[in-house]
Protein backbone atom coordinates (compact mmCIF):
# COMPACT_ATOMS: atom_id res chain seq x y z
CA GLN A 1 7.06 18.57 100.57
CA VAL A 2 9.60 17.42 97.87
CA GLN A 3 8.39 16.73 94.37
CA LEU A 4 10.29 15.62 91.44
CA VAL A 5 7.92 16.08 88.14
CA GLU A 6 9.36 14.66 84.91
CA SER A 7 7.42 15.38 81.72
CA GLY A 8 8.47 14.79 77.53
CA GLY A 9 8.58 10.89 77.81
CA GLY A 10 6.25 9.32 74.69
CA LEU A 11 6.49 7.19 71.46
CA VAL A 12 9.27 7.95 69.26
CA GLN A 13 11.08 6.78 66.17
CA PRO A 14 14.31 5.28 66.05
CA GLY A 15 16.48 8.09 65.20
CA GLY A 16 14.23 10.56 66.78
CA SER A 17 14.56 12.86 69.52
CA LEU A 18 12.93 13.51 72.77
CA ARG A 19 13.70 16.76 75.52
CA LEU A 20 12.83 15.18 79.15
CA SER A 21 12.49 17.59 81.82
CA CYS A 22 11.81 16.90 85.80
CA ALA A 23 10.38 20.35 87.79
CA ALA A 24 12.04 20.39 91.72
CA SER A 25 10.19 21.80 93.92
CA GLY A 26 10.68 21.62 98.15
CA ILE A 27 14.73 21.63 97.88
CA ILE A 28 17.51 23.92 97.77
CA PHE A 29 17.88 23.02 93.46
CA ASN A 30 20.85 24.65 93.01
CA ILE A 31 22.57 22.99 95.75
CA HIS A 32 21.49 19.23 94.45
CA ALA A 33 23.53 16.91 91.82
CA MET A 34 20.95 16.22 89.90
CA GLY A 35 20.58 12.99 87.55
CA TRP A 36 18.68 10.61 84.61
CA TYR A 37 18.40 7.05 85.66
CA ARG A 38 16.05 4.41 83.88
CA GLN A 39 14.76 1.18 84.38
CA THR A 40 12.77 -1.82 82.09
CA PRO A 41 10.82 -4.92 84.06
CA GLY A 42 12.78 -7.05 85.40
CA LYS A 43 15.92 -4.92 85.57
CA GLN A 44 17.92 -2.94 87.86
CA ARG A 45 17.69 1.03 87.41
CA GLU A 46 20.75 2.22 85.87
CA LEU A 47 22.20 5.71 85.11
CA VAL A 48 21.80 7.48 82.18
CA ALA A 49 23.32 10.82 83.17
CA THR A 50 24.66 13.18 86.44
CA ILE A 51 25.01 16.65 86.53
CA THR A 52 26.63 18.54 89.95
CA SER A 53 25.48 21.36 91.41
CA GLY A 54 28.53 22.47 89.65
CA GLY A 55 27.83 21.70 86.16
CA THR A 56 30.29 18.24 85.60
CA THR A 57 28.50 16.03 83.65
CA ASN A 58 28.67 12.32 83.48
CA TYR A 59 27.51 9.70 81.35
CA ALA A 60 26.75 6.10 80.88
CA ASP A 61 28.76 5.22 77.74
CA SER A 62 25.68 3.91 76.00
CA VAL A 63 24.52 7.26 76.03
CA LYS A 64 27.64 9.34 75.14
CA GLY A 65 27.61 11.39 72.54
CA ARG A 66 23.36 10.78 72.01
CA PHE A 67 21.89 12.38 75.06
CA THR A 68 23.19 15.89 76.89
CA ILE A 69 22.21 16.44 80.80
CA SER A 70 21.66 20.45 81.32
CA ARG A 71 19.93 22.02 84.52
CA ASP A 72 18.50 25.28 84.33
CA ASN A 73 18.94 26.58 88.50
CA ALA A 74 16.21 29.63 87.79
CA GLU A 75 13.65 27.40 86.67
CA ASN A 76 14.47 24.69 89.87
CA THR A 77 14.51 22.07 86.22
CA VAL A 78 16.91 19.59 84.96
CA TYR A 79 16.63 18.29 81.45
CA LEU A 80 17.27 15.48 79.31
CA GLN A 81 18.05 15.89 75.24
CA MET A 82 17.61 12.44 73.94
CA ASN A 83 19.18 12.33 70.18
CA SER A 84 19.44 9.33 68.02
CA LEU A 85 17.17 7.24 69.86
CA LYS A 86 17.24 3.59 69.79
CA SER A 87 15.09 0.82 70.83
CA GLU A 88 17.23 -0.04 73.50
CA ASP A 89 16.29 3.24 75.10
CA THR A 90 12.95 2.16 75.85
CA ALA A 91 12.27 2.42 79.60
CA VAL A 92 10.62 3.96 82.43
CA TYR A 93 13.20 7.91 82.75
CA TYR A 94 13.29 8.93 86.35
CA CYS A 95 14.72 11.86 87.71
CA LYS A 96 17.26 11.87 91.10
CA ALA A 97 18.32 14.92 93.45
CA SER A 98 20.81 14.12 95.87
CA TRP A 99 22.31 15.76 98.74
CA LEU A 100 21.92 14.94 102.37
CA ASN A 101 18.95 12.65 101.16
CA ASN A 102 18.10 11.31 98.10
CA TYR A 103 14.63 11.91 95.86
CA TRP A 104 12.92 10.12 93.10
CA GLY A 105 10.03 11.50 90.67
CA GLN A 106 7.52 8.84 89.42
CA GLY A 107 9.22 8.30 86.34
CA THR A 108 8.40 9.02 82.44
CA GLN A 109 7.68 6.26 79.90
CA VAL A 110 10.20 6.67 76.78
CA THR A 111 9.20 3.81 74.23
CA VAL A 112 11.28 3.82 70.88
CA SER A 113 9.51 1.62 67.92
CA SER A 114 8.62 2.14 64.77
């Protein structure tokens, strides 16, 4: 059974930082591309950042220079370091694993507010 479990969300003030983690099980982690997406009520889920099995990264323009995606294949975990957070980063953040199939986590809430 495939499981992606996100953690690390919470409430943070504008300008602050959070580090999200996504622990994967039930898949061969190192061959999967991994990604972080986010969604706010009434809007479509949008890409935040992706990292290929080879370590190539891609970012949405809105987070470039502020967020960093990384992966630890030994720990079957992908991370999203979020710095200089803004109120518009408030969303539920989801982890995705992609290879032959796509798998999603349950999401973790990130709220940026003073």
